[in-house]
Amino acid sequence: MDYILTCLQGIVESGLVVKPDSDLVNDLGLESIRVMDLLMMLEDKLDISIPINILLDVRTPKQLHDALQPHLEKDHGII
């Protein structure tokens, strides 16, 4: 979760505070290209492939973390 928040803090406008329950679009103003940048950063850091369809149900960093958990466990074992 910390890495997701750190990545987001680097992507959003300065002055915005990123929290686990921040809405990616409404609170943080992320456009689709920025969300894709975030996914690429996470894929590189976590060494996993993230299916784009997980974004359908993701609105917050916490939800993104929860959606990534099964992929991390599949590729790296129980975390």
PDB file of N, CA and C in Angstrom:
ATOM      1  N   MET A   1       0.829  -1.189   0.000  1.00  0.00           N
ATOM      2  CA  MET A   1       0.000   0.000   0.000  1.00  0.00           C
ATOM      3  C   MET A   1       0.870   1.248   0.000  1.00  0.00           C
ATOM      4  N   ASP A   2       1.956   1.230   0.759  1.00  0.00           N
ATOM      5  CA  ASP A   2       2.819   2.410   0.826  1.00  0.00           C
ATOM      6  C   ASP A   2       3.370   2.778  -0.539  1.00  0.00           C
ATOM      7  N   TYR A   3       3.758   1.767  -1.324  1.00  0.00           N
ATOM      8  CA  TYR A   3       4.317   2.057  -2.641  1.00  0.00           C
ATOM      9  C   TYR A   3       3.250   2.644  -3.564  1.00  0.00           C
ATOM     10  N   ILE A   4       2.028   2.159  -3.496  1.00  0.00           N
ATOM     11  CA  ILE A   4       0.933   2.708  -4.295  1.00  0.00           C
ATOM     12  C   ILE A   4       0.735   4.174  -3.945  1.00  0.00           C
ATOM     13  N   LEU A   5       0.691   4.493  -2.663  1.00  0.00           N
ATOM     14  CA  LEU A   5       0.494   5.877  -2.233  1.00  0.00           C
ATOM     15  C   LEU A   5       1.661   6.763  -2.664  1.00  0.00           C
ATOM     16  N   THR A   6       2.879   6.245  -2.578  1.00  0.00           N
ATOM     17  CA  THR A   6       4.058   7.006  -2.993  1.00  0.00           C
ATOM     18  C   THR A   6       4.007   7.294  -4.491  1.00  0.00           C
ATOM     19  N   CYS A   7       3.673   6.294  -5.280  1.00  0.00           N
ATOM     20  CA  CYS A   7       3.552   6.489  -6.727  1.00  0.00           C
ATOM     21  C   CYS A   7       2.496   7.531  -7.051  1.00  0.00           C
ATOM     22  N   LEU A   8       1.354   7.411  -6.408  1.00  0.00           N
ATOM     23  CA  LEU A   8       0.277   8.364  -6.652  1.00  0.00           C
ATOM     24  C   LEU A   8       0.672   9.779  -6.269  1.00  0.00           C
ATOM     25  N   GLN A   9       1.371   9.922  -5.161  1.00  0.00           N
ATOM     26  CA  GLN A   9       1.779  11.252  -4.720  1.00  0.00           C
ATOM     27  C   GLN A   9       2.674  11.910  -5.769  1.00  0.00           C
ATOM     28  N   GLY A  10       3.470  11.106  -6.478  1.00  0.00           N
ATOM     29  CA  GLY A  10       4.323  11.630  -7.522  1.00  0.00           C
ATOM     30  C   GLY A  10       3.587  11.970  -8.809  1.00  0.00           C
ATOM     31  N   ILE A  11       2.395  11.418  -8.973  1.00  0.00           N
ATOM     32  CA  ILE A  11       1.620  11.616 -10.200  1.00  0.00           C
ATOM     33  C   ILE A  11       0.645  12.786 -10.089  1.00  0.00           C
ATOM     34  N   VAL A  12       0.035  12.960  -8.927  1.00  0.00           N
ATOM     35  CA  VAL A  12      -1.023  13.966  -8.774  1.00  0.00           C
ATOM     36  C   VAL A  12      -0.439  15.365  -8.624  1.00  0.00           C
ATOM     37  N   GLU A  13      -1.300  16.362  -8.761  1.00  0.00           N
ATOM     38  CA  GLU A  13      -0.891  17.756  -8.591  1.00  0.00           C
ATOM     39  C   GLU A  13      -0.313  17.964  -7.203  1.00  0.00           C
ATOM     40  N   SER A  14       0.693  18.808  -7.134  1.00  0.00           N
ATOM     41  CA  SER A  14       1.254  19.104  -5.810  1.00  0.00           C
ATOM     42  C   SER A  14       0.185  19.774  -4.962  1.00  0.00           C
ATOM     43  N   GLY A  15       0.241  19.496  -3.696  1.00  0.00           N
ATOM     44  CA  GLY A  15      -0.740  20.042  -2.766  1.00  0.00           C
ATOM     45  C   GLY A  15      -1.877  19.083  -2.448  1.00  0.00           C
ATOM     46  N   LEU A  16      -2.104  18.110  -3.321  1.00  0.00           N
ATOM     47  CA  LEU A  16      -3.138  17.117  -3.041  1.00  0.00           C
ATOM     48  C   LEU A  16      -2.561  16.047  -2.128  1.00  0.00           C
ATOM     49  N   VAL A  17      -3.338  15.648  -1.153  1.00  0.00           N
ATOM     50  CA  VAL A  17      -2.915  14.607  -0.225  1.00  0.00           C
ATOM     51  C   VAL A  17      -3.549  13.287  -0.656  1.00  0.00           C
ATOM     52  N   VAL A  18      -2.707  12.287  -0.852  1.00  0.00           N
ATOM     53  CA  VAL A  18      -3.179  10.968  -1.281  1.00  0.00           C
ATOM     54  C   VAL A  18      -3.358  10.098  -0.049  1.00  0.00           C
ATOM     55  N   LYS A  19      -4.575   9.575   0.112  1.00  0.00           N
ATOM     56  CA  LYS A  19      -4.896   8.668   1.219  1.00  0.00           C
ATOM     57  C   LYS A  19      -5.450   7.368   0.644  1.00  0.00           C
ATOM     58  N   PRO A  20      -5.443   6.301   1.417  1.00  0.00           N
ATOM     59  CA  PRO A  20      -5.959   5.023   0.913  1.00  0.00           C
ATOM     60  C   PRO A  20      -7.394   5.095   0.397  1.00  0.00           C
ATOM     61  N   ASP A  21      -8.202   6.003   0.945  1.00  0.00           N
ATOM     62  CA  ASP A  21      -9.595   6.089   0.517  1.00  0.00           C
ATOM     63  C   ASP A  21      -9.869   7.254  -0.435  1.00  0.00           C
ATOM     64  N   SER A  22      -8.817   7.894  -0.957  1.00  0.00           N
ATOM     65  CA  SER A  22      -8.991   8.972  -1.934  1.00  0.00           C
ATOM     66  C   SER A  22      -9.552   8.397  -3.236  1.00  0.00           C
ATOM     67  N   ASP A  23     -10.516   9.091  -3.818  1.00  0.00           N
ATOM     68  CA  ASP A  23     -11.050   8.667  -5.111  1.00  0.00           C
ATOM     69  C   ASP A  23     -10.046   9.079  -6.191  1.00  0.00           C
ATOM     70  N   LEU A  24      -9.608   8.122  -6.988  1.00  0.00           N
ATOM     71  CA  LEU A  24      -8.563   8.376  -7.985  1.00  0.00           C
ATOM     72  C   LEU A  24      -8.958   9.470  -8.977  1.00  0.00           C
ATOM     73  N   VAL A  25     -10.221   9.508  -9.374  1.00  0.00           N
ATOM     74  CA  VAL A  25     -10.669  10.484 -10.361  1.00  0.00           C
ATOM     75  C   VAL A  25     -11.181  11.755  -9.688  1.00  0.00           C
ATOM     76  N   ASN A  26     -12.142  11.605  -8.774  1.00  0.00           N
ATOM     77  CA  ASN A  26     -12.795  12.779  -8.192  1.00  0.00           C
ATOM     78  C   ASN A  26     -11.917  13.553  -7.216  1.00  0.00           C
ATOM     79  N   ASP A  27     -11.158  12.844  -6.372  1.00  0.00           N
ATOM     80  CA  ASP A  27     -10.316  13.525  -5.380  1.00  0.00           C
ATOM     81  C   ASP A  27      -8.937  13.881  -5.933  1.00  0.00           C
ATOM     82  N   LEU A  28      -8.367  12.965  -6.726  1.00  0.00           N
ATOM     83  CA  LEU A  28      -6.987  13.137  -7.176  1.00  0.00           C
ATOM     84  C   LEU A  28      -6.876  13.630  -8.610  1.00  0.00           C
ATOM     85  N   GLY A  29      -7.983  13.650  -9.324  1.00  0.00           N
ATOM     86  CA  GLY A  29      -8.004  14.189 -10.679  1.00  0.00           C
ATOM     87  C   GLY A  29      -7.223  13.380 -11.700  1.00  0.00           C
ATOM     88  N   LEU A  30      -7.092  12.068 -11.478  1.00  0.00           N
ATOM     89  CA  LEU A  30      -6.328  11.246 -12.414  1.00  0.00           C
ATOM     90  C   LEU A  30      -7.105  11.026 -13.704  1.00  0.00           C
ATOM     91  N   GLU A  31      -6.410  11.209 -14.800  1.00  0.00           N
ATOM     92  CA  GLU A  31      -6.950  10.884 -16.111  1.00  0.00           C
ATOM     93  C   GLU A  31      -6.491   9.468 -16.443  1.00  0.00           C
ATOM     94  N   SER A  32      -7.097   8.880 -17.454  1.00  0.00           N
ATOM     95  CA  SER A  32      -6.793   7.486 -17.788  1.00  0.00           C
ATOM     96  C   SER A  32      -5.314   7.262 -18.082  1.00  0.00           C
ATOM     97  N   ILE A  33      -4.649   8.216 -18.708  1.00  0.00           N
ATOM     98  CA  ILE A  33      -3.227   8.049 -19.014  1.00  0.00           C
ATOM     99  C   ILE A  33      -2.393   7.983 -17.736  1.00  0.00           C
ATOM    100  N   ARG A  34      -2.776   8.746 -16.733  1.00  0.00           N
ATOM    101  CA  ARG A  34      -2.071   8.724 -15.443  1.00  0.00           C
ATOM    102  C   ARG A  34      -2.306   7.404 -14.716  1.00  0.00           C
ATOM    103  N   VAL A  35      -3.500   6.857 -14.834  1.00  0.00           N
ATOM    104  CA  VAL A  35      -3.787   5.560 -14.220  1.00  0.00           C
ATOM    105  C   VAL A  35      -2.926   4.491 -14.888  1.00  0.00           C
ATOM    106  N   MET A  36      -2.773   4.581 -16.204  1.00  0.00           N
ATOM    107  CA  MET A  36      -1.922   3.621 -16.922  1.00  0.00           C
ATOM    108  C   MET A  36      -0.462   3.778 -16.485  1.00  0.00           C
ATOM    109  N   ASP A  37      -0.014   5.011 -16.277  1.00  0.00           N
ATOM    110  CA  ASP A  37       1.342   5.244 -15.760  1.00  0.00           C
ATOM    111  C   ASP A  37       1.522   4.561 -14.408  1.00  0.00           C
ATOM    112  N   LEU A  38       0.520   4.702 -13.557  1.00  0.00           N
ATOM    113  CA  LEU A  38       0.561   4.067 -12.240  1.00  0.00           C
ATOM    114  C   LEU A  38       0.670   2.550 -12.371  1.00  0.00           C
ATOM    115  N   LEU A  39      -0.135   1.965 -13.239  1.00  0.00           N
ATOM    116  CA  LEU A  39      -0.093   0.514 -13.420  1.00  0.00           C
ATOM    117  C   LEU A  39       1.276   0.062 -13.920  1.00  0.00           C
ATOM    118  N   MET A  40       1.861   0.813 -14.834  1.00  0.00           N
ATOM    119  CA  MET A  40       3.185   0.440 -15.338  1.00  0.00           C
ATOM    120  C   MET A  40       4.240   0.520 -14.237  1.00  0.00           C
ATOM    121  N   MET A  41       4.148   1.545 -13.389  1.00  0.00           N
ATOM    122  CA  MET A  41       5.083   1.653 -12.260  1.00  0.00           C
ATOM    123  C   MET A  41       4.942   0.452 -11.329  1.00  0.00           C
ATOM    124  N   LEU A  42       3.704   0.079 -11.043  1.00  0.00           N
ATOM    125  CA  LEU A  42       3.449  -1.051 -10.151  1.00  0.00           C
ATOM    126  C   LEU A  42       3.926  -2.362 -10.772  1.00  0.00           C
ATOM    127  N   GLU A  43       3.683  -2.531 -12.067  1.00  0.00           N
ATOM    128  CA  GLU A  43       4.149  -3.747 -12.734  1.00  0.00           C
ATOM    129  C   GLU A  43       5.671  -3.857 -12.662  1.00  0.00           C
ATOM    130  N   ASP A  44       6.352  -2.748 -12.909  1.00  0.00           N
ATOM    131  CA  ASP A  44       7.816  -2.760 -12.863  1.00  0.00           C
ATOM    132  C   ASP A  44       8.337  -3.058 -11.467  1.00  0.00           C
ATOM    133  N   LYS A  45       7.795  -2.391 -10.473  1.00  0.00           N
ATOM    134  CA  LYS A  45       8.272  -2.542  -9.099  1.00  0.00           C
ATOM    135  C   LYS A  45       7.944  -3.921  -8.528  1.00  0.00           C
ATOM    136  N   LEU A  46       6.718  -4.391  -8.788  1.00  0.00           N
ATOM    137  CA  LEU A  46       6.250  -5.632  -8.183  1.00  0.00           C
ATOM    138  C   LEU A  46       6.530  -6.858  -9.048  1.00  0.00           C
ATOM    139  N   ASP A  47       7.023  -6.623 -10.257  1.00  0.00           N
ATOM    140  CA  ASP A  47       7.355  -7.705 -11.188  1.00  0.00           C
ATOM    141  C   ASP A  47       6.157  -8.624 -11.422  1.00  0.00           C
ATOM    142  N   ILE A  48       5.020  -7.997 -11.747  1.00  0.00           N
ATOM    143  CA  ILE A  48       3.805  -8.744 -12.075  1.00  0.00           C
ATOM    144  C   ILE A  48       3.181  -8.133 -13.323  1.00  0.00           C
ATOM    145  N   SER A  49       2.285  -8.868 -13.922  1.00  0.00           N
ATOM    146  CA  SER A  49       1.493  -8.361 -15.035  1.00  0.00           C
ATOM    147  C   SER A  49       0.101  -8.059 -14.485  1.00  0.00           C
ATOM    148  N   ILE A  50      -0.341  -6.830 -14.674  1.00  0.00           N
ATOM    149  CA  ILE A  50      -1.632  -6.411 -14.128  1.00  0.00           C
ATOM    150  C   ILE A  50      -2.651  -6.331 -15.267  1.00  0.00           C
ATOM    151  N   PRO A  51      -3.698  -7.143 -15.219  1.00  0.00           N
ATOM    152  CA  PRO A  51      -4.729  -7.064 -16.256  1.00  0.00           C
ATOM    153  C   PRO A  51      -5.491  -5.740 -16.157  1.00  0.00           C
ATOM    154  N   ILE A  52      -5.689  -5.111 -17.286  1.00  0.00           N
ATOM    155  CA  ILE A  52      -6.341  -3.799 -17.321  1.00  0.00           C
ATOM    156  C   ILE A  52      -7.765  -3.858 -16.774  1.00  0.00           C
ATOM    157  N   ASN A  53      -8.421  -5.003 -16.872  1.00  0.00           N
ATOM    158  CA  ASN A  53      -9.814  -5.096 -16.435  1.00  0.00           C
ATOM    159  C   ASN A  53      -9.991  -4.956 -14.922  1.00  0.00           C
ATOM    160  N   ILE A  54      -8.907  -5.031 -14.144  1.00  0.00           N
ATOM    161  CA  ILE A  54      -9.082  -4.838 -12.698  1.00  0.00           C
ATOM    162  C   ILE A  54      -9.491  -3.407 -12.388  1.00  0.00           C
ATOM    163  N   LEU A  55      -9.250  -2.501 -13.326  1.00  0.00           N
ATOM    164  CA  LEU A  55      -9.586  -1.096 -13.094  1.00  0.00           C
ATOM    165  C   LEU A  55     -11.084  -0.828 -13.117  1.00  0.00           C
ATOM    166  N   LEU A  56     -11.853  -1.769 -13.630  1.00  0.00           N
ATOM    167  CA  LEU A  56     -13.291  -1.565 -13.715  1.00  0.00           C
ATOM    168  C   LEU A  56     -13.927  -1.339 -12.349  1.00  0.00           C
ATOM    169  N   ASP A  57     -13.414  -1.985 -11.330  1.00  0.00           N
ATOM    170  CA  ASP A  57     -14.003  -1.899  -9.996  1.00  0.00           C
ATOM    171  C   ASP A  57     -13.133  -1.125  -9.003  1.00  0.00           C
ATOM    172  N   VAL A  58     -12.122  -0.435  -9.510  1.00  0.00           N
ATOM    173  CA  VAL A  58     -11.181   0.266  -8.630  1.00  0.00           C
ATOM    174  C   VAL A  58     -11.438   1.763  -8.666  1.00  0.00           C
ATOM    175  N   ARG A  59     -11.689   2.340  -7.477  1.00  0.00           N
ATOM    176  CA  ARG A  59     -11.890   3.786  -7.386  1.00  0.00           C
ATOM    177  C   ARG A  59     -10.912   4.435  -6.407  1.00  0.00           C
ATOM    178  N   THR A  60     -10.287   3.636  -5.539  1.00  0.00           N
ATOM    179  CA  THR A  60      -9.399   4.183  -4.512  1.00  0.00           C
ATOM    180  C   THR A  60      -8.083   3.397  -4.484  1.00  0.00           C
ATOM    181  N   PRO A  61      -7.036   3.970  -3.903  1.00  0.00           N
ATOM    182  CA  PRO A  61      -5.795   3.215  -3.740  1.00  0.00           C
ATOM    183  C   PRO A  61      -5.998   1.919  -2.953  1.00  0.00           C
ATOM    184  N   LYS A  62      -6.840   1.931  -1.949  1.00  0.00           N
ATOM    185  CA  LYS A  62      -7.118   0.729  -1.154  1.00  0.00           C
ATOM    186  C   LYS A  62      -7.738  -0.359  -2.017  1.00  0.00           C
ATOM    187  N   GLN A  63      -8.690   0.022  -2.857  1.00  0.00           N
ATOM    188  CA  GLN A  63      -9.314  -0.942  -3.756  1.00  0.00           C
ATOM    189  C   GLN A  63      -8.298  -1.482  -4.765  1.00  0.00           C
ATOM    190  N   LEU A  64      -7.389  -0.629  -5.225  1.00  0.00           N
ATOM    191  CA  LEU A  64      -6.338  -1.080  -6.133  1.00  0.00           C
ATOM    192  C   LEU A  64      -5.439  -2.096  -5.433  1.00  0.00           C
ATOM    193  N   HIS A  65      -5.059  -1.786  -4.215  1.00  0.00           N
ATOM    194  CA  HIS A  65      -4.247  -2.709  -3.419  1.00  0.00           C
ATOM    195  C   HIS A  65      -4.941  -4.061  -3.279  1.00  0.00           C
ATOM    196  N   ASP A  66      -6.216  -4.036  -2.929  1.00  0.00           N
ATOM    197  CA  ASP A  66      -6.974  -5.272  -2.743  1.00  0.00           C
ATOM    198  C   ASP A  66      -7.106  -6.049  -4.054  1.00  0.00           C
ATOM    199  N   ALA A  67      -7.258  -5.333  -5.175  1.00  0.00           N
ATOM    200  CA  ALA A  67      -7.371  -5.987  -6.480  1.00  0.00           C
ATOM    201  C   ALA A  67      -6.050  -6.607  -6.920  1.00  0.00           C
ATOM    202  N   LEU A  68      -4.934  -6.017  -6.502  1.00  0.00           N
ATOM    203  CA  LEU A  68      -3.615  -6.534  -6.866  1.00  0.00           C
ATOM    204  C   LEU A  68      -3.195  -7.737  -6.029  1.00  0.00           C
ATOM    205  N   GLN A  69      -3.745  -7.861  -4.842  1.00  0.00           N
ATOM    206  CA  GLN A  69      -3.334  -8.915  -3.911  1.00  0.00           C
ATOM    207  C   GLN A  69      -3.345 -10.317  -4.529  1.00  0.00           C
ATOM    208  N   PRO A  70      -4.412 -10.729  -5.221  1.00  0.00           N
ATOM    209  CA  PRO A  70      -4.403 -12.078  -5.808  1.00  0.00           C
ATOM    210  C   PRO A  70      -3.289 -12.265  -6.850  1.00  0.00           C
ATOM    211  N   HIS A  71      -2.978 -11.217  -7.584  1.00  0.00           N
ATOM    212  CA  HIS A  71      -1.914 -11.302  -8.600  1.00  0.00           C
ATOM    213  C   HIS A  71      -0.537 -11.416  -7.938  1.00  0.00           C
ATOM    214  N   LEU A  72      -0.369 -10.708  -6.850  1.00  0.00           N
ATOM    215  CA  LEU A  72       0.889 -10.802  -6.108  1.00  0.00           C
ATOM    216  C   LEU A  72       1.046 -12.197  -5.509  1.00  0.00           C
ATOM    217  N   GLU A  73      -0.019 -12.724  -4.946  1.00  0.00           N
ATOM    218  CA  GLU A  73       0.037 -14.056  -4.338  1.00  0.00           C
ATOM    219  C   GLU A  73       0.277 -15.130  -5.390  1.00  0.00           C
ATOM    220  N   LYS A  74      -0.317 -14.970  -6.561  1.00  0.00           N
ATOM    221  CA  LYS A  74      -0.130 -15.944  -7.632  1.00  0.00           C
ATOM    222  C   LYS A  74       1.322 -15.970  -8.103  1.00  0.00           C
ATOM    223  N   ASP A  75       1.919 -14.796  -8.236  1.00  0.00           N
ATOM    224  CA  ASP A  75       3.282 -14.702  -8.764  1.00  0.00           C
ATOM    225  C   ASP A  75       4.368 -14.842  -7.697  1.00  0.00           C
ATOM    226  N   HIS A  76       4.043 -14.473  -6.449  1.00  0.00           N
ATOM    227  CA  HIS A  76       5.081 -14.419  -5.418  1.00  0.00           C
ATOM    228  C   HIS A  76       4.742 -15.209  -4.155  1.00  0.00           C
ATOM    229  N   GLY A  77       3.631 -15.901  -4.133  1.00  0.00           N
ATOM    230  CA  GLY A  77       3.224 -16.630  -2.934  1.00  0.00           C
ATOM    231  C   GLY A  77       2.418 -15.731  -2.013  1.00  0.00           C
ATOM    232  N   ILE A  78       1.975 -16.245  -0.907  1.00  0.00           N
ATOM    233  CA  ILE A  78       1.165 -15.501   0.054  1.00  0.00           C
ATOM    234  C   ILE A  78       1.957 -14.323   0.608  1.00  0.00           C
ATOM    235  N   ILE A  79       1.293 -13.157   0.582  1.00  0.00           N
ATOM    236  CA  ILE A  79       1.940 -11.928   1.082  1.00  0.00           C
ATOM    237  C   ILE A  79       1.171 -11.423   2.277  1.00  0.00           C
TER     238      ILE A  79
END
